[in-house]
Amino acid sequence: MEGGGALLAFEVVGTPHAVIESVRLITPAVSLGCVDTLIQHPASLTHQVMNPSERTAAGISDRLLRVSVGLEHADDLWSDLDQALSIRHEEKSP
């Protein structure tokens, strides 16, 4: 990407927190906006004050992740996301 950043949102299969724990280059964050690429889970951070039905109505699922793209090389970011998403992140049974 040239000339600015981007904000991406996508849903994952499995546990979003496990994906966040698996990234190596991308930084887990509580807010978005930096020269570094940041990742967050809105349902447990920025939108946790909303009840689940309000989040769903707003399009914020429990599996949604948001990434704010920084200044790192795009190939490095794709590699990091690819390796984190390719790990099987299954939810643990209670």
C-alpha atoms as a PDB file:
ATOM      1  CA  MET A   1       0.000   0.000   0.000  1.00  0.00           C
ATOM      2  CA  GLU A   2       1.249   3.468  -0.787  1.00  0.00           C
ATOM      3  CA  GLY A   3       0.194   6.854   0.529  1.00  0.00           C
ATOM      4  CA  GLY A   4      -1.506   5.887   3.756  1.00  0.00           C
ATOM      5  CA  GLY A   5      -2.781   3.149   5.950  1.00  0.00           C
ATOM      6  CA  ALA A   6      -5.796   0.937   5.942  1.00  0.00           C
ATOM      7  CA  LEU A   7      -8.148  -0.588   8.444  1.00  0.00           C
ATOM      8  CA  LEU A   8      -9.143  -4.183   7.794  1.00  0.00           C
ATOM      9  CA  ALA A   9     -11.860  -6.161   9.547  1.00  0.00           C
ATOM     10  CA  PHE A  10     -12.380  -9.891   9.176  1.00  0.00           C
ATOM     11  CA  GLU A  11     -13.844 -12.820  11.055  1.00  0.00           C
ATOM     12  CA  VAL A  12     -11.770 -15.841  11.978  1.00  0.00           C
ATOM     13  CA  VAL A  13     -12.575 -19.502  12.406  1.00  0.00           C
ATOM     14  CA  GLY A  14     -11.767 -20.595  15.927  1.00  0.00           C
ATOM     15  CA  THR A  15     -10.650 -18.350  18.750  1.00  0.00           C
ATOM     16  CA  PRO A  16      -9.790 -14.725  17.856  1.00  0.00           C
ATOM     17  CA  HIS A  17      -7.559 -14.343  20.915  1.00  0.00           C
ATOM     18  CA  ALA A  18      -5.480 -17.327  19.801  1.00  0.00           C
ATOM     19  CA  VAL A  19      -4.908 -15.657  16.423  1.00  0.00           C
ATOM     20  CA  ILE A  20      -3.829 -12.459  18.182  1.00  0.00           C
ATOM     21  CA  GLU A  21      -1.440 -14.460  20.366  1.00  0.00           C
ATOM     22  CA  SER A  22       0.030 -16.096  17.240  1.00  0.00           C
ATOM     23  CA  VAL A  23       1.080 -12.999  15.310  1.00  0.00           C
ATOM     24  CA  ARG A  24       4.780 -12.176  15.478  1.00  0.00           C
ATOM     25  CA  LEU A  25       5.181  -8.895  13.631  1.00  0.00           C
ATOM     26  CA  ILE A  26       1.739  -7.374  14.132  1.00  0.00           C
ATOM     27  CA  THR A  27       1.247  -5.818  17.576  1.00  0.00           C
ATOM     28  CA  PRO A  28      -1.810  -6.638  19.716  1.00  0.00           C
ATOM     29  CA  ALA A  29      -3.336  -3.337  20.838  1.00  0.00           C
ATOM     30  CA  VAL A  30      -6.275  -1.810  22.666  1.00  0.00           C
ATOM     31  CA  SER A  31      -6.664   1.007  20.151  1.00  0.00           C
ATOM     32  CA  LEU A  32      -5.836   1.442  16.496  1.00  0.00           C
ATOM     33  CA  GLY A  33      -3.603   4.131  15.058  1.00  0.00           C
ATOM     34  CA  CYS A  34       0.180   4.038  14.951  1.00  0.00           C
ATOM     35  CA  VAL A  35       3.035   3.630  12.477  1.00  0.00           C
ATOM     36  CA  ASP A  36       3.093  -0.053  13.484  1.00  0.00           C
ATOM     37  CA  THR A  37       0.494  -2.533  12.304  1.00  0.00           C
ATOM     38  CA  LEU A  38      -1.919  -3.245  15.152  1.00  0.00           C
ATOM     39  CA  ILE A  39      -4.545  -5.930  15.731  1.00  0.00           C
ATOM     40  CA  GLN A  40      -7.478  -5.940  18.141  1.00  0.00           C
ATOM     41  CA  HIS A  41     -10.600  -7.858  19.091  1.00  0.00           C
ATOM     42  CA  PRO A  42     -13.425  -5.270  19.255  1.00  0.00           C
ATOM     43  CA  ALA A  43     -15.910  -7.490  21.134  1.00  0.00           C
ATOM     44  CA  SER A  44     -13.602  -7.662  24.152  1.00  0.00           C
ATOM     45  CA  LEU A  45     -12.095  -4.175  23.890  1.00  0.00           C
ATOM     46  CA  THR A  46     -13.645  -1.180  22.147  1.00  0.00           C
ATOM     47  CA  HIS A  47     -17.176  -2.592  22.019  1.00  0.00           C
ATOM     48  CA  GLN A  48     -17.319  -4.692  25.172  1.00  0.00           C
ATOM     49  CA  VAL A  49     -19.715  -2.223  26.830  1.00  0.00           C
ATOM     50  CA  MET A  50     -22.371  -3.162  24.277  1.00  0.00           C
ATOM     51  CA  ASN A  51     -24.456  -6.232  24.976  1.00  0.00           C
ATOM     52  CA  PRO A  52     -24.042  -9.122  22.512  1.00  0.00           C
ATOM     53  CA  SER A  53     -27.268  -8.382  20.604  1.00  0.00           C
ATOM     54  CA  GLU A  54     -26.252  -4.727  20.112  1.00  0.00           C
ATOM     55  CA  ARG A  55     -22.813  -5.821  18.864  1.00  0.00           C
ATOM     56  CA  THR A  56     -24.399  -8.285  16.456  1.00  0.00           C
ATOM     57  CA  ALA A  57     -26.777  -5.611  15.158  1.00  0.00           C
ATOM     58  CA  ALA A  58     -23.760  -3.338  14.602  1.00  0.00           C
ATOM     59  CA  GLY A  59     -21.956  -6.079  12.654  1.00  0.00           C
ATOM     60  CA  ILE A  60     -19.403  -6.796  15.385  1.00  0.00           C
ATOM     61  CA  SER A  61     -19.288 -10.539  15.919  1.00  0.00           C
ATOM     62  CA  ASP A  62     -17.331 -12.317  18.636  1.00  0.00           C
ATOM     63  CA  ARG A  63     -14.953 -13.615  15.926  1.00  0.00           C
ATOM     64  CA  LEU A  64     -14.231 -10.221  14.358  1.00  0.00           C
ATOM     65  CA  LEU A  65     -10.659  -8.886  14.338  1.00  0.00           C
ATOM     66  CA  ARG A  66      -9.556  -5.440  13.194  1.00  0.00           C
ATOM     67  CA  VAL A  67      -6.120  -4.640  11.825  1.00  0.00           C
ATOM     68  CA  SER A  68      -4.736  -1.144  11.379  1.00  0.00           C
ATOM     69  CA  VAL A  69      -1.996  -1.355   8.737  1.00  0.00           C
ATOM     70  CA  GLY A  70       1.229   0.462   9.530  1.00  0.00           C
ATOM     71  CA  LEU A  71       4.487   1.038   7.700  1.00  0.00           C
ATOM     72  CA  GLU A  72       5.844  -2.517   7.602  1.00  0.00           C
ATOM     73  CA  HIS A  73       6.403  -4.170   4.236  1.00  0.00           C
ATOM     74  CA  ALA A  74       3.182  -5.693   2.904  1.00  0.00           C
ATOM     75  CA  ASP A  75       4.823  -9.070   2.228  1.00  0.00           C
ATOM     76  CA  ASP A  76       5.946  -9.289   5.865  1.00  0.00           C
ATOM     77  CA  LEU A  77       2.440  -8.495   7.096  1.00  0.00           C
ATOM     78  CA  TRP A  78       0.831 -11.064   4.788  1.00  0.00           C
ATOM     79  CA  SER A  79       3.322 -13.691   5.961  1.00  0.00           C
ATOM     80  CA  ASP A  80       2.597 -12.919   9.601  1.00  0.00           C
ATOM     81  CA  LEU A  81      -1.175 -13.089   9.145  1.00  0.00           C
ATOM     82  CA  ASP A  82      -0.880 -16.224   7.021  1.00  0.00           C
ATOM     83  CA  GLN A  83       1.121 -18.099   9.656  1.00  0.00           C
ATOM     84  CA  ALA A  84      -1.182 -16.948  12.481  1.00  0.00           C
ATOM     85  CA  LEU A  85      -4.358 -17.872  10.605  1.00  0.00           C
ATOM     86  CA  SER A  86      -3.039 -21.240   9.431  1.00  0.00           C
ATOM     87  CA  ILE A  87      -2.610 -22.495  13.002  1.00  0.00           C
ATOM     88  CA  ARG A  88      -5.663 -24.466  14.101  1.00  0.00           C
ATOM     89  CA  HIS A  89      -7.253 -22.340  16.835  1.00  0.00           C
ATOM     90  CA  GLU A  90      -9.983 -24.397  18.399  1.00  0.00           C
ATOM     91  CA  GLU A  91     -12.118 -23.268  21.261  1.00  0.00           C
ATOM     92  CA  LYS A  92     -11.552 -25.192  24.459  1.00  0.00           C
ATOM     93  CA  SER A  93     -14.481 -26.982  26.035  1.00  0.00           C
ATOM     94  CA  PRO A  94     -15.391 -25.907  29.569  1.00  0.00           C
END
